[in-house]
Protein backbone atom coordinates (compact mmCIF):
# COMPACT_ATOMS: atom_id res chain seq x y z
CA MET A 1 96.65 -40.14 128.23
CA ALA A 2 96.65 -38.17 131.47
CA GLU A 3 93.37 -37.04 132.92
CA GLY A 4 92.39 -33.57 131.69
CA ALA A 5 94.93 -33.65 128.84
CA ASP A 6 93.75 -32.81 125.34
CA PRO A 7 93.80 -35.70 122.90
CA GLU A 8 96.49 -35.42 120.26
CA VAL A 9 95.13 -33.61 117.23
CA ASP A 10 96.06 -34.86 113.79
CA LEU A 11 96.51 -31.51 112.05
CA GLU A 12 97.19 -33.10 108.68
CA ALA A 13 93.92 -35.04 108.84
CA LEU A 14 92.07 -31.84 109.76
CA ARG A 15 93.67 -30.00 106.84
CA GLU A 16 92.65 -32.79 104.49
CA GLN A 17 89.12 -32.80 105.83
CA LEU A 18 88.85 -29.04 105.39
CA ALA A 19 90.23 -29.20 101.85
CA SER A 20 87.60 -31.79 100.90
CA LEU A 21 84.67 -29.53 101.80
CA GLU A 22 82.71 -28.06 98.91
CA VAL A 23 82.58 -24.29 99.26
CA GLU A 24 79.26 -24.07 97.40
CA GLN A 25 77.57 -26.40 99.91
CA TYR A 26 78.90 -24.37 102.81
CA LEU A 27 77.74 -21.09 101.23
CA VAL A 28 74.24 -22.46 100.61
CA SER A 29 74.05 -23.70 104.18
CA ALA A 30 75.25 -20.38 105.58
CA ALA A 31 72.88 -18.41 103.34
CA SER A 32 69.93 -20.58 104.32
CA THR A 33 70.75 -20.14 108.00
CA LEU A 34 71.06 -16.37 107.57
CA ALA A 35 67.68 -16.21 105.81
CA SER A 36 66.02 -18.15 108.64
CA LEU A 37 67.75 -16.00 111.22
CA GLY A 38 66.69 -12.83 109.42
CA TYR A 39 63.05 -13.91 109.46
CA ALA A 40 63.27 -14.86 113.15
CA LYS A 41 64.79 -11.49 114.04
CA LEU A 42 62.08 -9.66 112.09
CA ASP A 43 59.38 -11.68 113.89
CA ARG A 44 60.86 -10.57 117.21
CA GLY A 45 61.16 -6.96 116.09
CA ASP A 46 64.94 -7.00 116.38
CA LEU A 47 65.58 -4.77 113.37
CA PRO A 48 69.33 -4.19 113.89
CA ASP A 49 70.08 -7.92 113.93
CA ALA A 50 67.63 -8.55 111.09
CA ARG A 51 69.51 -5.95 109.04
CA LYS A 52 72.83 -7.70 109.76
CA ALA A 53 71.42 -11.04 108.62
CA ILE A 54 69.98 -9.45 105.47
CA ASP A 55 73.23 -7.67 104.65
CA ALA A 56 75.25 -10.86 105.14
CA LEU A 57 72.81 -12.83 102.98
CA ALA A 58 73.04 -10.15 100.29
CA ALA A 59 76.81 -10.56 100.30
CA LEU A 60 76.57 -14.35 99.83
CA VAL A 61 73.81 -14.62 97.23
CA PRO A 62 75.93 -13.41 94.26
CA HIS A 63 78.37 -16.25 94.94
CA LEU A 64 75.74 -19.00 94.76
CA GLU A 65 74.78 -21.03 91.71
CA GLY A 66 71.87 -23.24 90.70
CA GLU A 67 68.27 -23.63 91.74
CA LEU A 68 68.96 -23.04 95.42
CA ALA A 69 70.63 -19.76 94.52
CA ASP A 70 67.38 -18.61 92.91
CA ASP A 71 65.40 -19.63 96.00
CA LEU A 72 67.79 -17.79 98.30
CA ALA A 73 67.74 -14.70 96.08
CA ARG A 74 63.93 -14.68 96.36
CA ALA A 75 64.20 -15.12 100.13
CA LEU A 76 66.56 -12.15 100.23
CA THR A 77 64.09 -10.00 98.29
CA ASP A 78 61.25 -11.07 100.59
CA LEU A 79 63.36 -10.30 103.65
CA GLN A 80 64.26 -6.86 102.32
CA ILE A 81 60.60 -6.08 101.70
CA ALA A 82 59.59 -7.36 105.15
CA TYR A 83 62.37 -5.33 106.74
CA ALA A 84 61.30 -2.15 104.91
CA SER A 85 57.72 -2.72 106.05
CA ALA A 86 58.75 -3.34 109.67
CA ALA A 87 61.07 -0.31 109.72
CA SER A 88 58.43 2.11 108.46
């Protein structure tokens, strides 16, 4: 391979890898990250970004299942209450 050249990408292997991912696991991970980010933005007083994180989390929560879904739904409620308190 020449210096600076991109390595050959096996697109079929990437497609297979993507197809093997569990959507639920990805959604839980994304929702958890958004909850943490929402809290961090509230702590910094960055209400516009906190609102974005809360809105995105609210969009994901109805698509989650199981015990973690319940935990993330509670986190969403807590975030919404904290946001309302910070905004007033």
